[in-house]
Amino acid sequence: MKDVAKLSGVLFFGLLTAVIIYPFLHETGHSVAAVLSGAEILEFNLFPFPNILCNMTNISNIGRVFIGLNGMILPVVFSAVISLLSKNKIFWICYVTFILNGIGLLSTVMSIAAIFLFNIGKPIVNEDVTQVMQAIPNSNSFILFLMSAITIWLIVKIKFDKPLEKCLAYFGLTKTKSGTV
């Protein structure tokens, strides 16, 4: 019965992170960058689809890039900061940062795919990186480098944090060479 409660907690916090926390951090990243760039936030939604609506009439192209990229950057920075503060000792914080890093990794990989699609003339409409590259068309190499660097950093971070071992330990299991005991 105790394992059922633990599994329920893992499922609950996983869904909470994927459906509420990550989208909130993503849209907050855009919002903070928009405010810092001088844009006016007209609307901030988490449901049914996470988005923000800004008046960016007088925003420079660099400001648009800053706004577009901060949706991905804030969740990654947030998870890094809370990982450092918790020193990877509290299971639930480790678990939530793993989910945030995993979604961030997926997001950066999708952004890299969006860069290639943009370059062959098949842009993904309303995708953050597509909008960034439309604002500054000659930024493709820089954006590709940035997304690749974030992707590599997230892969290393996930590997270093050893989330599978922490989850197994949480359930009182250990990883062996031949499998799980």
N, C-alpha and C. Protein backbone atom coordinates (compact mmCIF):
# COMPACT_ATOMS: atom_id res chain seq x y z
N MET A 1 0.82 -1.20 0.00
CA MET A 1 0.00 0.00 0.00
C MET A 1 0.86 1.26 0.00
N LYS A 2 2.00 1.18 0.71
CA LYS A 2 2.90 2.32 0.78
C LYS A 2 3.47 2.65 -0.61
N ASP A 3 3.78 1.61 -1.40
CA ASP A 3 4.29 1.83 -2.76
C ASP A 3 3.24 2.44 -3.67
N VAL A 4 1.97 2.11 -3.46
CA VAL A 4 0.89 2.70 -4.25
C VAL A 4 0.80 4.20 -3.97
N ALA A 5 0.95 4.57 -2.71
CA ALA A 5 0.93 5.99 -2.35
C ALA A 5 2.14 6.71 -2.96
N LYS A 6 3.31 6.06 -2.93
CA LYS A 6 4.50 6.67 -3.53
C LYS A 6 4.32 6.82 -5.03
N LEU A 7 3.81 5.78 -5.69
CA LEU A 7 3.58 5.84 -7.13
C LEU A 7 2.56 6.92 -7.48
N SER A 8 1.51 7.04 -6.67
CA SER A 8 0.51 8.09 -6.88
C SER A 8 1.15 9.47 -6.78
N GLY A 9 2.03 9.64 -5.82
CA GLY A 9 2.74 10.91 -5.67
C GLY A 9 3.63 11.21 -6.87
N VAL A 10 4.34 10.19 -7.36
CA VAL A 10 5.19 10.36 -8.53
C VAL A 10 4.35 10.77 -9.73
N LEU A 11 3.23 10.09 -9.94
CA LEU A 11 2.35 10.43 -11.07
C LEU A 11 1.76 11.83 -10.91
N PHE A 12 1.32 12.16 -9.70
CA PHE A 12 0.73 13.48 -9.45
C PHE A 12 1.74 14.59 -9.71
N PHE A 13 2.94 14.47 -9.12
CA PHE A 13 3.94 15.53 -9.30
C PHE A 13 4.47 15.58 -10.73
N GLY A 14 4.52 14.43 -11.41
CA GLY A 14 4.92 14.42 -12.81
C GLY A 14 3.92 15.17 -13.68
N LEU A 15 2.64 14.89 -13.47
CA LEU A 15 1.60 15.60 -14.23
C LEU A 15 1.54 17.07 -13.86
N LEU A 16 1.64 17.37 -12.57
CA LEU A 16 1.63 18.76 -12.12
C LEU A 16 2.76 19.54 -12.78
N THR A 17 3.93 18.95 -12.83
CA THR A 17 5.09 19.61 -13.43
C THR A 17 4.89 19.79 -14.93
N ALA A 18 4.42 18.74 -15.61
CA ALA A 18 4.27 18.80 -17.07
C ALA A 18 3.13 19.71 -17.52
N VAL A 19 2.04 19.71 -16.76
CA VAL A 19 0.84 20.43 -17.20
C VAL A 19 0.73 21.85 -16.63
N ILE A 20 1.30 22.08 -15.45
CA ILE A 20 1.15 23.40 -14.82
C ILE A 20 2.51 24.10 -14.67
N ILE A 21 3.47 23.47 -14.00
CA ILE A 21 4.71 24.16 -13.64
C ILE A 21 5.53 24.53 -14.89
N TYR A 22 5.80 23.56 -15.78
CA TYR A 22 6.59 23.89 -16.96
C TYR A 22 5.91 24.95 -17.83
N PRO A 23 4.63 24.78 -18.19
CA PRO A 23 3.99 25.84 -19.01
C PRO A 23 3.99 27.20 -18.31
N PHE A 24 3.80 27.21 -16.98
CA PHE A 24 3.83 28.48 -16.25
C PHE A 24 5.21 29.13 -16.36
N LEU A 25 6.27 28.34 -16.14
CA LEU A 25 7.62 28.88 -16.23
C LEU A 25 7.94 29.34 -17.65
N HIS A 26 7.50 28.56 -18.63
CA HIS A 26 7.74 28.90 -20.04
C HIS A 26 7.10 30.25 -20.38
N GLU A 27 5.82 30.39 -20.08
CA GLU A 27 5.12 31.64 -20.39
C GLU A 27 5.60 32.80 -19.52
N THR A 28 5.99 32.51 -18.29
CA THR A 28 6.56 33.55 -17.43
C THR A 28 7.88 34.04 -18.00
N GLY A 29 8.67 33.12 -18.56
CA GLY A 29 9.93 33.52 -19.21
C GLY A 29 9.68 34.51 -20.33
N HIS A 30 8.68 34.20 -21.17
CA HIS A 30 8.31 35.15 -22.24
C HIS A 30 7.85 36.48 -21.63
N SER A 31 7.02 36.39 -20.61
CA SER A 31 6.43 37.60 -20.00
C SER A 31 7.48 38.51 -19.38
N VAL A 32 8.39 37.92 -18.61
CA VAL A 32 9.45 38.71 -17.97
C VAL A 32 10.31 39.39 -19.04
N ALA A 33 10.67 38.64 -20.07
CA ALA A 33 11.48 39.21 -21.15
C ALA A 33 10.71 40.32 -21.87
N ALA A 34 9.40 40.11 -22.05
CA ALA A 34 8.58 41.13 -22.72
C ALA A 34 8.54 42.42 -21.91
N VAL A 35 8.32 42.29 -20.61
CA VAL A 35 8.28 43.47 -19.74
C VAL A 35 9.64 44.16 -19.74
N LEU A 36 10.72 43.40 -19.64
CA LEU A 36 12.07 43.98 -19.65
C LEU A 36 12.38 44.66 -20.98
N SER A 37 11.76 44.18 -22.05
CA SER A 37 11.99 44.76 -23.38
C SER A 37 11.08 45.95 -23.66
N GLY A 38 10.11 46.18 -22.77
CA GLY A 38 9.22 47.32 -22.96
C GLY A 38 7.89 46.98 -23.60
N ALA A 39 7.59 45.71 -23.77
CA ALA A 39 6.31 45.31 -24.35
C ALA A 39 5.22 45.37 -23.29
N GLU A 40 4.00 45.49 -23.74
CA GLU A 40 2.85 45.50 -22.85
C GLU A 40 2.19 44.13 -22.90
N ILE A 41 2.05 43.49 -21.74
CA ILE A 41 1.39 42.18 -21.67
C ILE A 41 -0.12 42.43 -21.71
N LEU A 42 -0.78 41.86 -22.70
CA LEU A 42 -2.23 42.02 -22.83
C LEU A 42 -2.98 40.84 -22.25
N GLU A 43 -2.36 39.66 -22.32
CA GLU A 43 -3.04 38.45 -21.88
C GLU A 43 -2.00 37.39 -21.50
N PHE A 44 -2.29 36.64 -20.43
CA PHE A 44 -1.43 35.54 -19.98
C PHE A 44 -2.36 34.37 -19.69
N ASN A 45 -2.21 33.27 -20.43
CA ASN A 45 -3.10 32.11 -20.26
C ASN A 45 -2.30 30.84 -20.03
N LEU A 46 -2.79 30.02 -19.11
CA LEU A 46 -2.26 28.67 -18.98
C LEU A 46 -3.23 27.65 -19.58
N PHE A 47 -4.51 27.97 -19.54
CA PHE A 47 -5.53 27.04 -20.05
C PHE A 47 -6.45 27.75 -21.01
N PRO A 48 -6.96 27.13 -22.04
CA PRO A 48 -6.71 25.74 -22.41
C PRO A 48 -5.35 25.54 -23.06
N PHE A 49 -4.79 26.60 -23.64
CA PHE A 49 -3.47 26.51 -24.26
C PHE A 49 -2.58 27.60 -23.68
N PRO A 50 -1.41 27.23 -23.14
CA PRO A 50 -0.53 28.25 -22.57
C PRO A 50 -0.07 29.24 -23.64
N ASN A 51 -0.22 30.53 -23.36
CA ASN A 51 0.26 31.56 -24.27
C ASN A 51 0.24 32.91 -23.58
N ILE A 52 0.98 33.84 -24.17
CA ILE A 52 0.87 35.24 -23.76
C ILE A 52 0.62 36.04 -25.02
N LEU A 53 -0.05 37.14 -24.83
CA LEU A 53 -0.30 38.07 -25.92
C LEU A 53 0.29 39.41 -25.49
N CYS A 54 1.16 39.96 -26.32
CA CYS A 54 1.85 41.21 -25.99
C CYS A 54 1.66 42.22 -27.11
N ASN A 55 1.70 43.48 -26.72
CA ASN A 55 1.80 44.55 -27.70
C ASN A 55 3.29 44.84 -27.86
N MET A 56 3.84 44.44 -29.01
CA MET A 56 5.28 44.60 -29.24
C MET A 56 5.54 45.61 -30.36
N THR A 57 4.66 46.59 -30.48
CA THR A 57 4.76 47.57 -31.56
C THR A 57 6.12 48.24 -31.63
N ASN A 58 6.66 48.66 -30.52
CA ASN A 58 7.92 49.41 -30.52
C ASN A 58 9.11 48.58 -30.05
N ILE A 59 9.03 47.26 -30.17
CA ILE A 59 10.09 46.39 -29.69
C ILE A 59 11.06 46.09 -30.84
N SER A 60 12.35 46.22 -30.57
CA SER A 60 13.38 45.95 -31.58
C SER A 60 13.42 44.45 -31.88
N ASN A 61 14.09 44.10 -32.96
CA ASN A 61 14.24 42.68 -33.30
C ASN A 61 15.02 41.93 -32.23
N ILE A 62 16.01 42.58 -31.63
CA ILE A 62 16.77 41.95 -30.54
C ILE A 62 15.84 41.68 -29.36
N GLY A 63 14.94 42.60 -29.06
CA GLY A 63 13.95 42.41 -28.00
C GLY A 63 13.04 41.24 -28.30
N ARG A 64 12.65 41.09 -29.57
CA ARG A 64 11.79 39.97 -29.98
C ARG A 64 12.51 38.63 -29.80
N VAL A 65 13.81 38.63 -30.12
CA VAL A 65 14.62 37.42 -29.93
C VAL A 65 14.70 37.09 -28.44
N PHE A 66 14.96 38.10 -27.62
CA PHE A 66 15.04 37.94 -26.17
C PHE A 66 13.74 37.35 -25.62
N ILE A 67 12.62 37.89 -26.09
CA ILE A 67 11.30 37.41 -25.64
C ILE A 67 11.08 35.97 -26.11
N GLY A 68 11.39 35.70 -27.38
CA GLY A 68 11.15 34.36 -27.94
C GLY A 68 11.96 33.27 -27.27
N LEU A 69 13.21 33.56 -26.94
CA LEU A 69 14.08 32.52 -26.36
C LEU A 69 13.87 32.31 -24.87
N ASN A 70 13.39 33.33 -24.17
CA ASN A 70 13.26 33.19 -22.72
C ASN A 70 12.18 32.22 -22.28
N GLY A 71 11.28 31.85 -23.17
CA GLY A 71 10.31 30.81 -22.82
C GLY A 71 11.00 29.48 -22.53
N MET A 72 12.04 29.19 -23.28
CA MET A 72 12.78 27.95 -23.07
C MET A 72 13.83 28.09 -21.98
N ILE A 73 14.40 29.25 -21.88
CA ILE A 73 15.53 29.44 -20.98
C ILE A 73 15.10 29.50 -19.51
N LEU A 74 14.00 30.15 -19.18
CA LEU A 74 13.60 30.27 -17.77
C LEU A 74 13.37 28.92 -17.09
N PRO A 75 12.64 27.95 -17.68
CA PRO A 75 12.49 26.66 -17.00
C PRO A 75 13.82 25.95 -16.75
N VAL A 76 14.76 26.07 -17.70
CA VAL A 76 16.07 25.43 -17.54
C VAL A 76 16.84 26.10 -16.41
N VAL A 77 16.84 27.42 -16.39
CA VAL A 77 17.54 28.16 -15.33
C VAL A 77 16.89 27.88 -13.97
N PHE A 78 15.57 27.88 -13.94
CA PHE A 78 14.84 27.61 -12.69
C PHE A 78 15.20 26.24 -12.14
N SER A 79 15.22 25.21 -13.00
CA SER A 79 15.54 23.86 -12.51
C SER A 79 16.98 23.79 -12.04
N ALA A 80 17.89 24.50 -12.70
CA ALA A 80 19.29 24.51 -12.27
C ALA A 80 19.43 25.17 -10.90
N VAL A 81 18.73 26.27 -10.70
CA VAL A 81 18.82 26.99 -9.43
C VAL A 81 18.24 26.15 -8.29
N ILE A 82 17.07 25.55 -8.49
CA ILE A 82 16.51 24.76 -7.39
C ILE A 82 17.32 23.49 -7.14
N SER A 83 17.96 22.95 -8.18
CA SER A 83 18.86 21.81 -7.98
C SER A 83 20.03 22.20 -7.10
N LEU A 84 20.62 23.36 -7.39
CA LEU A 84 21.76 23.83 -6.60
C LEU A 84 21.37 24.11 -5.16
N LEU A 85 20.20 24.73 -4.98
CA LEU A 85 19.76 25.07 -3.63
C LEU A 85 19.44 23.83 -2.80
N SER A 86 18.89 22.80 -3.44
CA SER A 86 18.52 21.59 -2.70
C SER A 86 19.68 20.62 -2.57
N LYS A 87 20.74 20.85 -3.34
CA LYS A 87 21.92 19.97 -3.35
C LYS A 87 21.54 18.53 -3.67
N ASN A 88 20.47 18.38 -4.45
CA ASN A 88 20.01 17.06 -4.91
C ASN A 88 19.75 16.07 -3.77
N LYS A 89 19.27 16.55 -2.63
CA LYS A 89 19.03 15.66 -1.50
C LYS A 89 17.56 15.35 -1.29
N ILE A 90 16.67 16.20 -1.76
CA ILE A 90 15.24 16.00 -1.55
C ILE A 90 14.66 15.36 -2.80
N PHE A 91 14.09 14.15 -2.64
CA PHE A 91 13.62 13.40 -3.80
C PHE A 91 12.66 14.20 -4.66
N TRP A 92 11.67 14.84 -4.06
CA TRP A 92 10.64 15.52 -4.85
C TRP A 92 11.21 16.67 -5.67
N ILE A 93 12.18 17.38 -5.13
CA ILE A 93 12.81 18.46 -5.89
C ILE A 93 13.62 17.86 -7.04
N CYS A 94 14.34 16.77 -6.77
CA CYS A 94 15.10 16.09 -7.83
C CYS A 94 14.16 15.61 -8.93
N TYR A 95 13.03 15.07 -8.52
CA TYR A 95 12.06 14.54 -9.48
C TYR A 95 11.47 15.65 -10.35
N VAL A 96 11.06 16.73 -9.72
CA VAL A 96 10.48 17.86 -10.48
C VAL A 96 11.53 18.46 -11.41
N THR A 97 12.77 18.60 -10.96
CA THR A 97 13.81 19.15 -11.85
C THR A 97 14.10 18.19 -13.00
N PHE A 98 14.02 16.88 -12.75
CA PHE A 98 14.19 15.91 -13.83
C PHE A 98 13.09 16.08 -14.88
N ILE A 99 11.85 16.23 -14.44
CA ILE A 99 10.74 16.43 -15.39
C ILE A 99 10.95 17.74 -16.15
N LEU A 100 11.31 18.82 -15.45
CA LEU A 100 11.56 20.11 -16.11
C LEU A 100 12.69 19.98 -17.13
N ASN A 101 13.78 19.31 -16.74
CA ASN A 101 14.91 19.13 -17.66
C ASN A 101 14.52 18.26 -18.85
N GLY A 102 13.73 17.23 -18.59
CA GLY A 102 13.28 16.36 -19.68
C GLY A 102 12.41 17.10 -20.69
N ILE A 103 11.48 17.89 -20.20
CA ILE A 103 10.64 18.68 -21.10
C ILE A 103 11.49 19.74 -21.81
N GLY A 104 12.42 20.35 -21.07
CA GLY A 104 13.33 21.32 -21.69
C GLY A 104 14.15 20.68 -22.79
N LEU A 105 14.63 19.46 -22.56
CA LEU A 105 15.39 18.73 -23.57
C LEU A 105 14.54 18.47 -24.81
N LEU A 106 13.33 18.00 -24.59
CA LEU A 106 12.41 17.79 -25.71
C LEU A 106 12.18 19.09 -26.48
N SER A 107 12.00 20.17 -25.74
CA SER A 107 11.75 21.48 -26.34
C SER A 107 12.93 21.95 -27.19
N THR A 108 14.15 21.77 -26.69
CA THR A 108 15.31 22.21 -27.47
C THR A 108 15.52 21.34 -28.70
N VAL A 109 15.26 20.05 -28.58
CA VAL A 109 15.38 19.16 -29.75
C VAL A 109 14.34 19.56 -30.80
N MET A 110 13.12 19.87 -30.35
CA MET A 110 12.08 20.34 -31.30
C MET A 110 12.48 21.67 -31.92
N SER A 111 13.14 22.53 -31.16
CA SER A 111 13.60 23.81 -31.70
C SER A 111 14.68 23.60 -32.76
N ILE A 112 15.56 22.65 -32.53
CA ILE A 112 16.59 22.34 -33.53
C ILE A 112 15.92 21.83 -34.81
N ALA A 113 14.92 20.98 -34.65
CA ALA A 113 14.17 20.51 -35.83
C ALA A 113 13.48 21.69 -36.53
N ALA A 114 12.94 22.63 -35.73
CA ALA A 114 12.27 23.81 -36.31
C ALA A 114 13.25 24.67 -37.09
N ILE A 115 14.50 24.75 -36.63
CA ILE A 115 15.52 25.52 -37.35
C ILE A 115 15.77 24.90 -38.73
N PHE A 116 15.91 23.57 -38.77
CA PHE A 116 16.13 22.90 -40.05
C PHE A 116 14.92 23.05 -40.96
N LEU A 117 13.72 22.92 -40.42
CA LEU A 117 12.51 23.11 -41.22
C LEU A 117 12.41 24.54 -41.75
N PHE A 118 12.77 25.51 -40.92
CA PHE A 118 12.77 26.91 -41.34
C PHE A 118 13.73 27.11 -42.50
N ASN A 119 14.90 26.48 -42.41
CA ASN A 119 15.93 26.65 -43.43
C ASN A 119 15.57 26.00 -44.76
N ILE A 120 14.68 25.00 -44.75
CA ILE A 120 14.26 24.39 -46.02
C ILE A 120 12.93 24.96 -46.51
N GLY A 121 12.48 26.01 -45.86
CA GLY A 121 11.28 26.70 -46.32
C GLY A 121 9.97 26.13 -45.81
N LYS A 122 10.02 25.35 -44.72
CA LYS A 122 8.80 24.77 -44.14
C LYS A 122 8.71 25.15 -42.66
N PRO A 123 8.59 26.45 -42.37
CA PRO A 123 8.59 26.89 -40.97
C PRO A 123 7.36 26.39 -40.20
N ILE A 124 7.55 26.15 -38.92
CA ILE A 124 6.45 25.76 -38.03
C ILE A 124 5.82 27.05 -37.52
N VAL A 125 4.58 27.27 -37.87
CA VAL A 125 3.88 28.51 -37.51
C VAL A 125 3.75 28.60 -35.98
N ASN A 126 3.98 29.78 -35.44
CA ASN A 126 3.85 30.10 -34.01
C ASN A 126 4.82 29.34 -33.11
N GLU A 127 5.86 28.76 -33.65
CA GLU A 127 6.89 28.11 -32.83
C GLU A 127 7.87 29.20 -32.42
N ASP A 128 8.32 29.18 -31.17
CA ASP A 128 9.16 30.26 -30.64
C ASP A 128 10.41 30.51 -31.48
N VAL A 129 11.15 29.47 -31.80
CA VAL A 129 12.39 29.63 -32.55
C VAL A 129 12.11 30.11 -33.97
N THR A 130 11.02 29.66 -34.56
CA THR A 130 10.64 30.14 -35.90
C THR A 130 10.41 31.65 -35.86
N GLN A 131 9.71 32.12 -34.84
CA GLN A 131 9.46 33.55 -34.71
C GLN A 131 10.76 34.33 -34.49
N VAL A 132 11.68 33.75 -33.73
CA VAL A 132 12.97 34.39 -33.50
C VAL A 132 13.72 34.52 -34.83
N MET A 133 13.74 33.46 -35.62
CA MET A 133 14.46 33.50 -36.90
C MET A 133 13.77 34.40 -37.92
N GLN A 134 12.47 34.56 -37.81
CA GLN A 134 11.78 35.51 -38.68
C GLN A 134 12.14 36.94 -38.29
N ALA A 135 12.34 37.19 -37.00
CA ALA A 135 12.71 38.53 -36.54
C ALA A 135 14.12 38.88 -36.99
N ILE A 136 15.04 37.94 -36.92
CA ILE A 136 16.43 38.17 -37.36
C ILE A 136 16.83 36.98 -38.25
N PRO A 137 16.56 37.09 -39.55
CA PRO A 137 16.79 35.96 -40.47
C PRO A 137 18.22 35.44 -40.49
N ASN A 138 19.21 36.26 -40.24
CA ASN A 138 20.60 35.81 -40.28
C ASN A 138 21.08 35.22 -38.97
N SER A 139 20.17 34.93 -38.05
CA SER A 139 20.54 34.42 -36.73
C SER A 139 20.53 32.90 -36.64
N ASN A 140 20.27 32.23 -37.75
CA ASN A 140 20.09 30.77 -37.72
C ASN A 140 21.27 30.03 -37.08
N SER A 141 22.49 30.40 -37.43
CA SER A 141 23.66 29.72 -36.89
C SER A 141 23.77 29.94 -35.38
N PHE A 142 23.55 31.18 -34.95
CA PHE A 142 23.62 31.48 -33.52
C PHE A 142 22.54 30.73 -32.75
N ILE A 143 21.32 30.74 -33.27
CA ILE A 143 20.20 30.06 -32.60
C ILE A 143 20.46 28.55 -32.56
N LEU A 144 20.96 27.99 -33.66
CA LEU A 144 21.30 26.56 -33.69
C LEU A 144 22.38 26.24 -32.65
N PHE A 145 23.39 27.09 -32.57
CA PHE A 145 24.45 26.89 -31.58
C PHE A 145 23.87 26.95 -30.16
N LEU A 146 23.05 27.95 -29.88
CA LEU A 146 22.45 28.12 -28.55
C LEU A 146 21.57 26.92 -28.19
N MET A 147 20.70 26.50 -29.10
CA MET A 147 19.83 25.36 -28.82
C MET A 147 20.64 24.08 -28.64
N SER A 148 21.70 23.91 -29.44
CA SER A 148 22.56 22.73 -29.30
C SER A 148 23.29 22.74 -27.97
N ALA A 149 23.78 23.90 -27.55
CA ALA A 149 24.48 24.01 -26.26
C ALA A 149 23.53 23.70 -25.11
N ILE A 150 22.31 24.22 -25.17
CA ILE A 150 21.33 23.93 -24.11
C ILE A 150 20.99 22.44 -24.10
N THR A 151 20.83 21.86 -25.29
CA THR A 151 20.53 20.42 -25.40
C THR A 151 21.64 19.59 -24.77
N ILE A 152 22.87 19.88 -25.10
CA ILE A 152 24.01 19.14 -24.54
C ILE A 152 24.07 19.32 -23.02
N TRP A 153 23.88 20.56 -22.57
CA TRP A 153 23.91 20.83 -21.12
C TRP A 153 22.82 20.03 -20.41
N LEU A 154 21.62 19.96 -20.99
CA LEU A 154 20.52 19.22 -20.36
C LEU A 154 20.81 17.71 -20.33
N ILE A 155 21.39 17.19 -21.41
CA ILE A 155 21.74 15.77 -21.43
C ILE A 155 22.76 15.47 -20.33
N VAL A 156 23.79 16.29 -20.22
CA VAL A 156 24.81 16.10 -19.18
C VAL A 156 24.18 16.23 -17.80
N LYS A 157 23.34 17.24 -17.61
CA LYS A 157 22.69 17.47 -16.32
C LYS A 157 21.83 16.27 -15.92
N ILE A 158 21.03 15.77 -16.85
CA ILE A 158 20.18 14.60 -16.56
C ILE A 158 21.06 13.39 -16.23
N LYS A 159 22.09 13.17 -17.00
CA LYS A 159 23.00 12.04 -16.73
C LYS A 159 23.66 12.19 -15.36
N PHE A 160 24.14 13.40 -15.05
CA PHE A 160 24.83 13.67 -13.78
C PHE A 160 23.88 13.52 -12.58
N ASP A 161 22.63 13.94 -12.73
CA ASP A 161 21.65 13.88 -11.63
C ASP A 161 21.18 12.46 -11.32
N LYS A 162 21.36 11.52 -12.23
CA LYS A 162 21.01 10.11 -12.05
C LYS A 162 19.56 9.93 -11.56
N PRO A 163 18.59 10.40 -12.33
CA PRO A 163 17.20 10.33 -11.87
C PRO A 163 16.67 8.91 -11.72
N LEU A 164 17.09 7.98 -12.58
CA LEU A 164 16.62 6.60 -12.46
C LEU A 164 17.06 6.00 -11.13
N GLU A 165 18.31 6.21 -10.75
CA GLU A 165 18.81 5.68 -9.49
C GLU A 165 18.06 6.28 -8.30
N LYS A 166 17.75 7.56 -8.38
CA LYS A 166 17.02 8.23 -7.29
C LYS A 166 15.59 7.71 -7.19
N CYS A 167 14.96 7.47 -8.34
CA CYS A 167 13.59 6.92 -8.32
C CYS A 167 13.58 5.50 -7.77
N LEU A 168 14.55 4.70 -8.21
CA LEU A 168 14.64 3.33 -7.70
C LEU A 168 14.87 3.33 -6.19
N ALA A 169 15.77 4.20 -5.73
CA ALA A 169 16.05 4.29 -4.29
C ALA A 169 14.80 4.74 -3.53
N TYR A 170 14.03 5.64 -4.11
CA TYR A 170 12.80 6.12 -3.47
C TYR A 170 11.83 4.97 -3.23
N PHE A 171 11.81 4.02 -4.17
CA PHE A 171 10.93 2.85 -4.03
C PHE A 171 11.63 1.68 -3.34
N GLY A 172 12.85 1.91 -2.83
CA GLY A 172 13.56 0.87 -2.10
C GLY A 172 14.16 -0.19 -3.00
N LEU A 173 14.40 0.14 -4.26
CA LEU A 173 14.99 -0.79 -5.21
C LEU A 173 16.40 -0.34 -5.53
N THR A 174 17.20 -1.25 -6.03
CA THR A 174 18.55 -0.89 -6.44
C THR A 174 18.79 -1.37 -7.85
N LYS A 175 19.67 -0.69 -8.55
CA LYS A 175 20.02 -1.04 -9.92
C LYS A 175 21.23 -1.93 -9.89
N THR A 176 21.15 -3.07 -10.59
CA THR A 176 22.30 -3.98 -10.69
C THR A 176 22.71 -4.07 -12.16
N LYS A 177 23.81 -4.76 -12.44
CA LYS A 177 24.27 -4.90 -13.81
C LYS A 177 23.28 -5.69 -14.65
N SER A 178 22.57 -6.63 -14.04
CA SER A 178 21.65 -7.46 -14.82
C SER A 178 20.22 -6.92 -14.80
N GLY A 179 19.97 -5.84 -14.10
CA GLY A 179 18.61 -5.29 -14.04
C GLY A 179 18.33 -4.66 -12.70
N THR A 180 17.06 -4.73 -12.30
CA THR A 180 16.64 -4.13 -11.05
C THR A 180 16.30 -5.22 -10.04
N VAL A 181 16.73 -5.03 -8.80
CA VAL A 181 16.44 -5.99 -7.73
C VAL A 181 15.42 -5.38 -6.78
